[in-house]
Amino acid sequence: MAALHAALTDAAARSDQYQVRHALQICHHQLFDTADLLQGRDTRSVSAQLIS
């Protein structure tokens, strides 16, 4: 996910298209939501949430 975020950040820096900037926002939120789920919790118990 971090690699995808880095690639989208680079693409957004070079683009003025709304879709690219919006994809970066979504990826950013997903990255932090995933980190929040994994922090201090058993990964087995949150695996269904991570998949969805």
C-alpha atoms as a PDB file:
ATOM      1  CA  MET A   1       0.000   0.000   0.000  1.00  0.00           C
ATOM      2  CA  ALA A   2       2.847   2.343   0.758  1.00  0.00           C
ATOM      3  CA  ALA A   3       4.292   1.778  -2.729  1.00  0.00           C
ATOM      4  CA  LEU A   4       0.905   2.506  -4.304  1.00  0.00           C
ATOM      5  CA  HIS A   5       0.600   5.669  -2.220  1.00  0.00           C
ATOM      6  CA  ALA A   6       4.076   6.791  -3.316  1.00  0.00           C
ATOM      7  CA  ALA A   7       3.248   6.177  -6.987  1.00  0.00           C
ATOM      8  CA  LEU A   8      -0.029   8.083  -6.702  1.00  0.00           C
ATOM      9  CA  THR A   9       1.723  10.941  -4.907  1.00  0.00           C
ATOM     10  CA  ASP A  10       4.191  11.214  -7.791  1.00  0.00           C
ATOM     11  CA  ALA A  11       1.395  11.057 -10.364  1.00  0.00           C
ATOM     12  CA  ALA A  12      -0.660  13.693  -8.544  1.00  0.00           C
ATOM     13  CA  ALA A  13       2.344  16.014  -8.384  1.00  0.00           C
ATOM     14  CA  ARG A  14       2.638  15.840 -12.173  1.00  0.00           C
ATOM     15  CA  SER A  15      -1.068  16.002 -12.975  1.00  0.00           C
ATOM     16  CA  ASP A  16      -3.839  18.522 -12.668  1.00  0.00           C
ATOM     17  CA  GLN A  17      -6.569  15.929 -13.217  1.00  0.00           C
ATOM     18  CA  TYR A  18      -9.198  15.655 -10.507  1.00  0.00           C
ATOM     19  CA  GLN A  19      -9.306  11.863 -10.793  1.00  0.00           C
ATOM     20  CA  VAL A  20      -5.625  11.497  -9.922  1.00  0.00           C
ATOM     21  CA  ARG A  21      -5.863  13.840  -6.932  1.00  0.00           C
ATOM     22  CA  HIS A  22      -9.021  12.077  -5.751  1.00  0.00           C
ATOM     23  CA  ALA A  23      -7.352   8.655  -6.059  1.00  0.00           C
ATOM     24  CA  LEU A  24      -4.498   9.970  -3.925  1.00  0.00           C
ATOM     25  CA  GLN A  25      -6.949  11.142  -1.249  1.00  0.00           C
ATOM     26  CA  ILE A  26      -8.656   7.748  -1.193  1.00  0.00           C
ATOM     27  CA  CYS A  27      -5.331   5.908  -1.006  1.00  0.00           C
ATOM     28  CA  HIS A  28      -4.163   8.203   1.788  1.00  0.00           C
ATOM     29  CA  HIS A  29      -7.285   7.486   3.834  1.00  0.00           C
ATOM     30  CA  GLN A  30      -7.037   3.741   3.165  1.00  0.00           C
ATOM     31  CA  LEU A  31      -3.394   3.689   4.226  1.00  0.00           C
ATOM     32  CA  PHE A  32      -4.163   5.359   7.540  1.00  0.00           C
ATOM     33  CA  ASP A  33      -7.336   3.320   8.118  1.00  0.00           C
ATOM     34  CA  THR A  34      -5.316   0.139   7.624  1.00  0.00           C
ATOM     35  CA  ALA A  35      -2.603   1.327   9.981  1.00  0.00           C
ATOM     36  CA  ASP A  36      -5.266   2.157  12.561  1.00  0.00           C
ATOM     37  CA  LEU A  37      -6.783  -1.325  12.292  1.00  0.00           C
ATOM     38  CA  LEU A  38      -3.423  -3.021  12.681  1.00  0.00           C
ATOM     39  CA  GLN A  39      -2.170  -0.886  15.527  1.00  0.00           C
ATOM     40  CA  GLY A  40      -2.556  -2.652  18.824  1.00  0.00           C
ATOM     41  CA  ARG A  41      -4.909  -5.342  17.529  1.00  0.00           C
ATOM     42  CA  ASP A  42      -4.612  -8.956  16.581  1.00  0.00           C
ATOM     43  CA  THR A  43      -4.354  -9.129  12.783  1.00  0.00           C
ATOM     44  CA  ARG A  44      -6.484 -12.264  12.674  1.00  0.00           C
ATOM     45  CA  SER A  45      -9.373 -10.471  14.325  1.00  0.00           C
ATOM     46  CA  VAL A  46      -9.323  -7.592  11.834  1.00  0.00           C
ATOM     47  CA  SER A  47      -8.593  -9.556   8.653  1.00  0.00           C
ATOM     48  CA  ALA A  48     -12.233  -9.377   7.484  1.00  0.00           C
ATOM     49  CA  GLN A  49     -12.211  -5.602   7.969  1.00  0.00           C
ATOM     50  CA  LEU A  50      -8.969  -5.298   6.038  1.00  0.00           C
ATOM     51  CA  ILE A  51     -10.381  -7.309   3.148  1.00  0.00           C
ATOM     52  CA  SER A  52     -13.502  -5.180   2.954  1.00  0.00           C
END
